[in-house]
Every structure is written in C-alpha cells, then in structure tokens.
C-alpha cells in the first residue's frame, strides 16, 4: 500500500545486517520497519511499509 525508504550512507565493504520488525497488525493491515547496518556498525538505510496482511 505504501513504502518509504531512506538511504543514510554508503555502506562499508562486507556484510549488511538487516533488522525487520512489525509492531502492529490490525484491520487486515500491518506496518513493517527495516534497518540495514553495515560491517562498521553504521545505519545505512531504513524503510517502513504499510501492507495488507497475507491471506491464509
């Protein structure tokens, strides 16, 4: 339904660590936040989306 992304910095060489989490599911919708951290421990990108809950 909606996606916002923020690029914060160019990542350092190496692995990228991703943290994804949802705090609220209601009315068939949910919000999901994502953080991407580089190998130097810096936050390099963030996103948030509002999406429809998957059907069974």
N, C-alpha and C. Protein backbone atom coordinates (compact mmCIF):
# COMPACT_ATOMS: atom_id res chain seq x y z
N UNK A 1 0.82 -1.18 0.00
CA UNK A 1 0.00 0.00 0.00
C UNK A 1 0.87 1.25 0.00
N UNK A 2 1.94 1.23 0.84
CA UNK A 2 2.82 2.39 0.90
C UNK A 2 4.21 1.93 1.35
N UNK A 3 5.26 2.49 0.76
CA UNK A 3 6.64 2.16 1.13
C UNK A 3 7.46 3.43 1.10
N UNK A 4 8.20 3.66 2.18
CA UNK A 4 9.12 4.80 2.28
C UNK A 4 10.50 4.24 2.59
N UNK A 5 11.51 4.71 1.89
CA UNK A 5 12.89 4.26 2.12
C UNK A 5 13.80 5.47 2.27
N UNK A 6 14.76 5.37 3.18
CA UNK A 6 15.74 6.43 3.41
C UNK A 6 17.13 5.82 3.30
N UNK A 7 17.95 6.35 2.41
CA UNK A 7 19.34 5.94 2.29
C UNK A 7 20.16 6.91 3.14
N UNK A 8 20.88 6.38 4.11
CA UNK A 8 21.60 7.22 5.08
C UNK A 8 23.08 7.38 4.76
N UNK A 9 23.72 6.34 4.24
CA UNK A 9 25.16 6.39 3.98
C UNK A 9 25.54 5.28 3.02
N UNK A 10 26.70 5.42 2.39
CA UNK A 10 27.23 4.35 1.57
C UNK A 10 27.81 3.29 2.50
N UNK A 11 27.45 2.04 2.34
CA UNK A 11 27.91 1.02 3.28
C UNK A 11 29.41 0.71 3.14
N UNK A 12 30.01 0.36 4.26
CA UNK A 12 31.39 -0.12 4.26
C UNK A 12 31.43 -1.49 3.59
N UNK A 13 32.57 -1.89 3.04
CA UNK A 13 32.67 -3.22 2.44
C UNK A 13 32.36 -4.31 3.46
N UNK A 14 31.77 -5.38 2.99
CA UNK A 14 31.48 -6.50 3.88
C UNK A 14 29.98 -6.75 4.00
N UNK A 15 29.62 -7.44 5.06
CA UNK A 15 28.25 -7.87 5.30
C UNK A 15 27.33 -6.70 5.63
N UNK A 16 26.05 -6.89 5.30
CA UNK A 16 24.98 -5.97 5.70
C UNK A 16 24.07 -6.75 6.64
N UNK A 17 23.78 -6.18 7.80
CA UNK A 17 22.87 -6.80 8.77
C UNK A 17 21.51 -6.14 8.63
N UNK A 18 20.46 -6.95 8.54
CA UNK A 18 19.10 -6.43 8.39
C UNK A 18 18.28 -6.75 9.64
N UNK A 19 17.52 -5.77 10.09
CA UNK A 19 16.59 -5.94 11.20
C UNK A 19 15.22 -5.55 10.68
N UNK A 20 14.28 -6.50 10.68
CA UNK A 20 12.90 -6.24 10.24
C UNK A 20 11.96 -6.55 11.38
N UNK A 21 10.99 -5.69 11.59
CA UNK A 21 10.05 -5.93 12.68
C UNK A 21 8.70 -5.27 12.39
N UNK A 22 7.69 -5.85 13.00
CA UNK A 22 6.32 -5.35 12.90
C UNK A 22 5.81 -5.11 14.31
N UNK A 23 5.22 -3.96 14.55
CA UNK A 23 4.70 -3.63 15.88
C UNK A 23 3.18 -3.72 15.97
N UNK A 24 2.50 -3.61 14.83
CA UNK A 24 1.05 -3.53 14.89
C UNK A 24 0.43 -4.26 13.69
N UNK A 25 -0.51 -5.14 13.98
CA UNK A 25 -1.33 -5.77 12.94
C UNK A 25 -2.77 -5.54 13.35
N UNK A 26 -3.53 -4.84 12.52
CA UNK A 26 -4.93 -4.54 12.86
C UNK A 26 -5.70 -4.27 11.57
N UNK A 27 -6.92 -4.73 11.55
CA UNK A 27 -7.81 -4.44 10.42
C UNK A 27 -7.30 -4.98 9.09
N UNK A 28 -6.54 -6.07 9.14
CA UNK A 28 -6.03 -6.65 7.91
C UNK A 28 -4.81 -5.93 7.34
N UNK A 29 -4.25 -4.97 8.09
CA UNK A 29 -3.09 -4.20 7.64
C UNK A 29 -1.98 -4.34 8.68
N UNK A 30 -0.73 -4.18 8.24
CA UNK A 30 0.38 -4.17 9.18
C UNK A 30 1.45 -3.19 8.71
N UNK A 31 2.24 -2.73 9.66
CA UNK A 31 3.37 -1.88 9.33
C UNK A 31 4.64 -2.69 9.58
N UNK A 32 5.62 -2.50 8.72
CA UNK A 32 6.88 -3.22 8.86
C UNK A 32 8.02 -2.22 8.71
N UNK A 33 8.94 -2.25 9.67
CA UNK A 33 10.11 -1.39 9.64
C UNK A 33 11.34 -2.23 9.33
N UNK A 34 12.29 -1.64 8.62
CA UNK A 34 13.53 -2.32 8.26
C UNK A 34 14.69 -1.37 8.51
N UNK A 35 15.77 -1.90 9.09
CA UNK A 35 17.02 -1.17 9.25
C UNK A 35 18.14 -1.99 8.64
N UNK A 36 19.04 -1.35 7.90
CA UNK A 36 20.21 -2.02 7.33
C UNK A 36 21.46 -1.40 7.95
N UNK A 37 22.30 -2.26 8.52
CA UNK A 37 23.52 -1.84 9.21
C UNK A 37 24.72 -2.43 8.48
N UNK A 38 25.77 -1.65 8.26
CA UNK A 38 26.94 -2.16 7.55
C UNK A 38 27.93 -2.84 8.51
N UNK A 39 29.03 -3.33 7.95
CA UNK A 39 30.01 -4.07 8.74
C UNK A 39 30.74 -3.20 9.76
N UNK A 40 30.66 -1.87 9.60
CA UNK A 40 31.26 -0.94 10.55
C UNK A 40 30.28 -0.54 11.65
N UNK A 41 29.06 -1.09 11.62
CA UNK A 41 28.07 -0.79 12.64
C UNK A 41 27.28 0.48 12.40
N UNK A 42 27.32 1.00 11.17
CA UNK A 42 26.57 2.22 10.84
C UNK A 42 25.22 1.89 10.22
N UNK A 43 24.22 2.66 10.59
CA UNK A 43 22.90 2.55 9.95
C UNK A 43 23.02 3.15 8.55
N UNK A 44 22.79 2.34 7.51
CA UNK A 44 22.97 2.84 6.14
C UNK A 44 21.65 3.02 5.40
N UNK A 45 20.58 2.38 5.85
CA UNK A 45 19.27 2.55 5.20
C UNK A 45 18.16 2.16 6.16
N UNK A 46 17.00 2.78 5.96
CA UNK A 46 15.80 2.47 6.73
C UNK A 46 14.62 2.45 5.78
N UNK A 47 13.61 1.66 6.12
CA UNK A 47 12.37 1.70 5.36
C UNK A 47 11.19 1.39 6.27
N UNK A 48 10.02 1.80 5.82
CA UNK A 48 8.77 1.48 6.51
C UNK A 48 7.74 1.24 5.43
N UNK A 49 6.95 0.18 5.63
CA UNK A 49 5.87 -0.06 4.69
C UNK A 49 4.59 -0.36 5.45
N UNK A 50 3.49 0.02 4.83
CA UNK A 50 2.16 -0.35 5.29
C UNK A 50 1.63 -1.31 4.24
N UNK A 51 1.24 -2.49 4.68
CA UNK A 51 0.86 -3.54 3.74
C UNK A 51 -0.38 -4.28 4.23
N UNK A 52 -1.00 -4.97 3.31
CA UNK A 52 -2.15 -5.80 3.61
C UNK A 52 -1.66 -7.14 4.17
N UNK A 53 -2.33 -7.60 5.20
CA UNK A 53 -1.97 -8.89 5.82
C UNK A 53 -2.20 -10.02 4.82
N UNK A 54 -1.21 -10.94 4.69
CA UNK A 54 -1.40 -12.05 3.75
C UNK A 54 -2.61 -12.91 4.11
N UNK A 55 -3.25 -13.46 3.10
CA UNK A 55 -4.38 -14.37 3.32
C UNK A 55 -3.84 -15.76 3.59
N UNK A 56 -4.58 -16.56 4.34
CA UNK A 56 -4.20 -17.96 4.62
C UNK A 56 -4.36 -18.82 3.40
